[in-house]
Amino acid sequence: MTRLVVITGASSGIGQAVALQYARQGARLALVARRTEVLHTWCADQQLGPERCQVYGADVADPDSMAAVARECLARQGVPDVVVANAGISIGVDTSMPEDLPVMARVMTTNVMGIAATFGPFIGPMVARGSGTLVGIASVAAIRGLPGHGAYCASKAGVVSYCESLRGELRGSGVRVVTILPGYIATPLTQNNRYSMPFLMQPEAFAARAWRAIEAGDSYRVIPWQMGVVAKLLRLLPNAVFDRAFAGRPRKPRASD
C-alpha cells in the first residue's frame, strides 16, 4: 500500500511545503491543523482526492484532541509510515512582564508537549508493526538562547532533547526518530522578524532537503547546513563574547506588540 504520512501544522509554511513534497512522491496524506478549511482548499487545489488526502482538525496543545485525531486516522487510513510533528508557534517574551508568562507557557505547551501529544498515539501501533519514522521539527534557535526569544529557544531546545530521549527509548523497535532543525525559512512564522535572517530559504527548498534527510533516516539534520555551521560556532563562543555580540539585537515581537 502507498505510504501514509501524518503532518501537523499543515495549513501553512513548513508543514504545507512538506505535505506538497510528499504528495509529489505519491504518498497518502493525513493533514492536521486548526484551520481545516485552509487544508480542504489546499487539497482541492492540488487535486488530491480523499483517497490521497484526509484532513483532521486538532490543536496539538490539546492532548485529547490529538488522541481523537489519531484514533480516527488509524481507523480510516491505517498506521502511518511517517509522522511529522511540525506544528509550532513563535512569540517574543519579556520575563519581567507578568502578562508574558502565560504566553511562554503557551509556546512551551504547543512546541514541546504538542510533539509528544502528536507522537504518542502512533508509537504503539508503529512498534507493533515494527517500522515507522517520527520526525520532530525543532530549530537552530535550540542551540543558543537569544534575547527576547526565551520561550521559543527554550521550547526548541526541549524538542531536541525530547527527540533524543525518544530515539534511545525506541532503539531496536524498528521505529526511527529524526530531528530536523530548520534555519530561517520564509514562512508566516518569520515574516514579522525585525532582524536579518542569513541563509533564508523558501519553504519548498527546505521541504526537499527535509524529505531527503527523513528518507535517509538521519537522526539529526540542520537545514540549511550553513546555519548548522553558524550555530555550532556560536555555541563555541565564550558567554561574555556571545552576550556582547547579541546585545541590542532586535527582538521577536511580543504578543502585545
Protein backbone atom coordinates (compact mmCIF):
# COMPACT_ATOMS: atom_id res chain seq x y z
CA MET A 1 0.00 0.00 0.00
CA THR A 2 1.10 3.57 -0.68
CA ARG A 3 2.94 5.11 2.26
CA LEU A 4 0.94 7.23 4.71
CA VAL A 5 2.39 10.47 6.11
CA VAL A 6 0.84 12.40 9.01
CA ILE A 7 1.78 16.10 9.21
CA THR A 8 0.68 18.58 11.87
CA GLY A 9 0.63 22.32 11.30
CA ALA A 10 -0.01 21.54 7.64
CA SER A 11 -2.11 24.60 6.78
CA SER A 12 0.87 26.86 6.01
CA GLY A 13 4.63 27.29 5.97
CA ILE A 14 6.91 24.31 6.51
CA GLY A 15 4.04 21.88 7.13
CA GLN A 16 2.32 22.70 3.87
CA ALA A 17 5.60 22.56 1.94
CA VAL A 18 6.46 19.14 3.40
CA ALA A 19 2.95 17.92 2.55
CA LEU A 20 3.42 19.02 -1.06
CA GLN A 21 6.82 17.29 -1.22
CA TYR A 22 5.35 14.00 -0.01
CA ALA A 23 2.32 14.37 -2.31
CA ARG A 24 4.71 14.69 -5.27
CA GLN A 25 6.34 11.45 -4.13
CA GLY A 26 2.95 9.73 -4.33
CA ALA A 27 2.32 9.38 -0.59
CA ARG A 28 -1.07 9.39 1.06
CA LEU A 29 -1.50 12.27 3.48
CA ALA A 30 -3.17 12.81 6.84
CA LEU A 31 -3.03 16.57 7.39
CA VAL A 32 -3.72 18.09 10.80
CA ALA A 33 -4.32 21.74 11.65
CA ARG A 34 -6.73 24.00 13.47
CA ARG A 35 -7.73 25.70 10.20
CA THR A 36 -9.28 22.76 8.40
CA GLU A 37 -10.95 24.95 5.77
CA VAL A 38 -7.49 26.02 4.56
CA LEU A 39 -6.44 22.38 4.28
CA HIS A 40 -9.56 21.40 2.34
CA THR A 41 -8.94 24.23 -0.12
CA TRP A 42 -5.28 23.24 -0.47
CA CYS A 43 -6.14 19.59 -1.14
CA ALA A 44 -8.61 20.67 -3.81
CA ASP A 45 -6.06 22.99 -5.40
CA GLN A 46 -3.53 20.15 -5.52
CA GLN A 47 -6.20 17.80 -6.93
CA LEU A 48 -5.75 15.41 -4.03
CA GLY A 49 -8.96 13.46 -3.54
CA PRO A 50 -10.00 11.68 -0.32
CA GLU A 51 -8.14 8.54 -1.35
CA ARG A 52 -4.89 10.56 -1.27
CA CYS A 53 -5.53 13.17 1.41
CA GLN A 54 -7.61 13.30 4.58
CA VAL A 55 -7.99 16.41 6.73
CA TYR A 56 -8.26 16.42 10.52
CA GLY A 57 -8.94 19.32 12.85
CA ALA A 58 -6.97 19.47 16.10
CA ASP A 59 -4.88 21.68 18.33
CA VAL A 60 -1.64 19.89 19.23
CA ALA A 61 -1.64 21.73 22.56
CA ASP A 62 -4.73 19.67 23.50
CA PRO A 63 -3.66 16.02 24.00
CA ASP A 64 -7.25 14.79 23.98
CA SER A 65 -7.81 16.49 20.63
CA MET A 66 -4.73 14.84 19.14
CA ALA A 67 -5.63 11.45 20.60
CA ALA A 68 -9.05 11.66 18.95
CA VAL A 69 -7.46 12.57 15.61
CA ALA A 70 -5.00 9.68 15.90
CA ARG A 71 -7.80 7.21 16.57
CA GLU A 72 -9.73 8.49 13.57
CA CYS A 73 -6.65 8.40 11.36
CA LEU A 74 -5.74 4.85 12.39
CA ALA A 75 -9.29 3.67 11.74
CA ARG A 76 -9.69 5.49 8.44
CA GLN A 77 -6.21 5.30 6.89
CA GLY A 78 -4.19 2.81 8.90
CA VAL A 79 -0.86 3.02 10.72
CA PRO A 80 1.26 5.83 9.29
CA ASP A 81 4.74 5.29 7.93
CA VAL A 82 5.90 8.81 8.82
CA VAL A 83 4.61 11.27 11.43
CA VAL A 84 5.91 14.82 11.09
CA ALA A 85 5.30 16.84 14.27
CA ASN A 86 5.65 20.30 12.77
CA ALA A 87 3.02 22.48 14.44
CA GLY A 88 4.58 25.28 16.47
CA ILE A 89 4.39 28.96 17.39
CA SER A 90 6.96 31.69 17.94
CA ILE A 91 6.21 34.70 20.14
CA GLY A 92 8.66 37.05 21.84
CA VAL A 93 8.52 37.29 25.62
CA ASP A 94 9.77 39.62 28.34
CA THR A 95 10.00 37.70 31.61
CA SER A 96 9.70 40.92 33.60
CA MET A 97 6.16 41.41 32.25
CA PRO A 98 3.64 39.25 34.14
CA GLU A 99 1.34 39.07 31.11
CA ASP A 100 4.08 37.33 29.12
CA LEU A 101 4.34 34.30 31.42
CA PRO A 102 1.11 32.73 30.11
CA VAL A 103 2.43 33.40 26.60
CA MET A 104 5.59 31.49 27.44
CA ALA A 105 3.53 28.63 28.83
CA ARG A 106 1.53 28.53 25.59
CA VAL A 107 4.69 28.40 23.48
CA MET A 108 6.16 25.61 25.59
CA THR A 109 2.91 23.64 25.58
CA THR A 110 2.45 23.92 21.82
CA ASN A 111 6.05 23.39 20.78
CA VAL A 112 7.13 20.68 23.24
CA MET A 113 4.05 18.96 24.64
CA GLY A 114 2.44 19.22 21.21
CA ILE A 115 5.12 16.97 19.75
CA ALA A 116 4.64 14.38 22.49
CA ALA A 117 0.87 14.55 22.00
CA THR A 118 1.37 14.02 18.26
CA PHE A 119 3.78 11.09 18.51
CA GLY A 120 2.24 9.34 21.50
CA PRO A 121 -0.85 7.69 19.98
CA PHE A 122 1.10 6.37 16.98
CA ILE A 123 4.07 4.86 18.82
CA GLY A 124 2.30 1.69 19.98
CA PRO A 125 0.90 0.78 16.54
CA MET A 126 4.25 1.55 14.86
CA VAL A 127 6.19 -0.57 17.36
CA ALA A 128 3.68 -3.40 16.94
CA ARG A 129 4.23 -3.27 13.17
CA GLY A 130 8.00 -2.94 13.62
CA SER A 131 8.51 0.12 11.45
CA GLY A 132 7.88 3.84 11.17
CA THR A 133 9.53 7.23 11.39
CA LEU A 134 8.79 10.02 13.86
CA VAL A 135 10.01 13.47 12.76
CA GLY A 136 10.31 16.33 15.25
CA ILE A 137 10.70 19.81 13.78
CA ALA A 138 12.96 21.81 16.10
CA SER A 139 15.02 24.90 15.12
CA VAL A 140 18.59 26.19 15.13
CA ALA A 141 17.23 28.52 17.82
CA ALA A 142 17.61 25.49 20.09
CA ILE A 143 21.39 25.78 20.06
CA ARG A 144 21.79 29.14 21.88
CA GLY A 145 19.34 31.33 23.76
CA LEU A 146 18.69 34.66 22.03
CA PRO A 147 17.49 37.82 23.83
CA GLY A 148 13.73 38.18 23.58
CA HIS A 149 13.37 34.62 22.28
CA GLY A 150 13.41 32.85 25.64
CA ALA A 151 10.19 30.94 25.09
CA TYR A 152 10.95 29.84 21.55
CA CYS A 153 14.61 28.94 22.15
CA ALA A 154 13.76 27.01 25.31
CA SER A 155 10.93 25.16 23.60
CA LYS A 156 13.04 24.12 20.62
CA ALA A 157 15.90 23.04 22.88
CA GLY A 158 13.27 20.93 24.61
CA VAL A 159 12.26 19.40 21.28
CA VAL A 160 15.86 18.40 20.53
CA SER A 161 16.33 16.78 23.95
CA TYR A 162 12.93 15.10 23.88
CA CYS A 163 13.53 13.58 20.45
CA GLU A 164 16.97 12.40 21.52
CA SER A 165 15.46 10.68 24.56
CA LEU A 166 12.73 9.12 22.47
CA ARG A 167 15.26 7.89 19.92
CA GLY A 168 17.04 5.98 22.67
CA GLU A 169 13.79 4.57 24.03
CA LEU A 170 12.76 3.24 20.61
CA ARG A 171 16.15 1.85 19.64
CA GLY A 172 15.73 -1.67 18.29
CA SER A 173 11.97 -1.32 17.81
CA GLY A 174 12.12 -0.54 14.11
CA VAL A 175 10.78 2.98 14.74
CA ARG A 176 13.23 5.75 13.90
CA VAL A 177 13.27 9.27 15.34
CA VAL A 178 14.51 12.12 13.13
CA THR A 179 15.15 15.63 14.44
CA ILE A 180 15.14 18.43 11.87
CA LEU A 181 16.47 21.88 12.81
CA PRO A 182 15.39 24.50 10.25
CA GLY A 183 17.27 27.74 9.94
CA TYR A 184 15.41 30.80 8.69
CA ILE A 185 12.56 29.75 6.40
CA ALA A 186 10.32 32.27 4.63
CA THR A 187 7.03 31.44 6.38
CA PRO A 188 4.37 33.31 8.38
CA LEU A 189 6.42 32.42 11.48
CA THR A 190 9.33 34.58 10.32
CA GLN A 191 7.65 37.32 8.31
CA ASN A 192 7.49 39.75 11.25
CA ASN A 193 11.10 39.29 12.33
CA ARG A 194 12.84 42.64 12.74
CA TYR A 195 16.38 41.44 12.17
CA SER A 196 18.49 39.98 9.37
CA MET A 197 17.93 36.32 8.57
CA PRO A 198 21.05 34.80 6.98
CA PHE A 199 20.65 31.91 4.55
CA LEU A 200 16.88 32.47 4.35
CA MET A 201 15.27 29.56 2.48
CA GLN A 202 12.00 29.19 0.65
CA PRO A 203 9.72 26.51 2.16
CA GLU A 204 9.80 24.33 -0.95
CA ALA A 205 13.61 24.18 -0.94
CA PHE A 206 13.60 23.33 2.76
CA ALA A 207 10.97 20.61 2.26
CA ALA A 208 13.00 18.91 -0.45
CA ARG A 209 16.06 18.73 1.82
CA ALA A 210 14.00 17.65 4.81
CA TRP A 211 12.43 14.86 2.75
CA ARG A 212 15.87 13.57 1.80
CA ALA A 213 17.01 13.64 5.43
CA ILE A 214 13.88 11.80 6.59
CA GLU A 215 14.13 9.17 3.88
CA ALA A 216 17.83 8.66 4.69
CA GLY A 217 16.91 8.11 8.33
CA ASP A 218 19.19 10.87 9.61
CA SER A 219 18.87 11.18 13.36
CA TYR A 220 19.69 14.92 13.35
CA ARG A 221 19.90 17.40 10.50
CA VAL A 222 20.26 21.20 10.35
CA ILE A 223 18.81 22.76 7.17
CA PRO A 224 20.47 24.59 5.52
CA TRP A 225 23.84 23.18 6.54
CA GLN A 226 25.36 26.67 6.61
CA MET A 227 23.14 27.55 9.57
CA GLY A 228 24.41 24.46 11.31
CA VAL A 229 27.97 25.74 10.97
CA VAL A 230 26.96 29.20 12.24
CA ALA A 231 25.08 27.72 15.18
CA LYS A 232 27.99 25.49 16.21
CA LEU A 233 30.39 28.43 16.02
CA LEU A 234 28.03 30.45 18.24
CA ARG A 235 27.93 27.54 20.68
CA LEU A 236 31.72 27.69 20.95
CA LEU A 237 31.80 31.40 21.78
CA PRO A 238 32.52 32.24 25.43
CA ASN A 239 29.42 33.61 27.13
CA ALA A 240 30.89 37.10 27.52
CA VAL A 241 31.65 37.33 23.80
CA PHE A 242 28.27 35.91 22.82
CA ASP A 243 26.41 38.29 25.15
CA ARG A 244 28.22 41.34 23.74
CA ALA A 245 27.63 40.23 20.16
CA PHE A 246 23.86 40.00 20.64
CA ALA A 247 23.37 42.99 22.93
CA GLY A 248 20.90 45.39 21.36
CA ARG A 249 19.77 42.93 18.69
CA PRO A 250 16.14 43.49 17.65
CA ARG A 251 13.86 41.10 19.47
CA LYS A 252 10.95 38.95 18.42
CA PRO A 253 7.66 40.87 18.68
CA ARG A 254 5.74 40.13 21.86
CA ALA A 255 2.07 39.16 21.82
CA SER A 256 1.11 42.69 22.94
CA ASP A 257 3.10 44.17 20.04
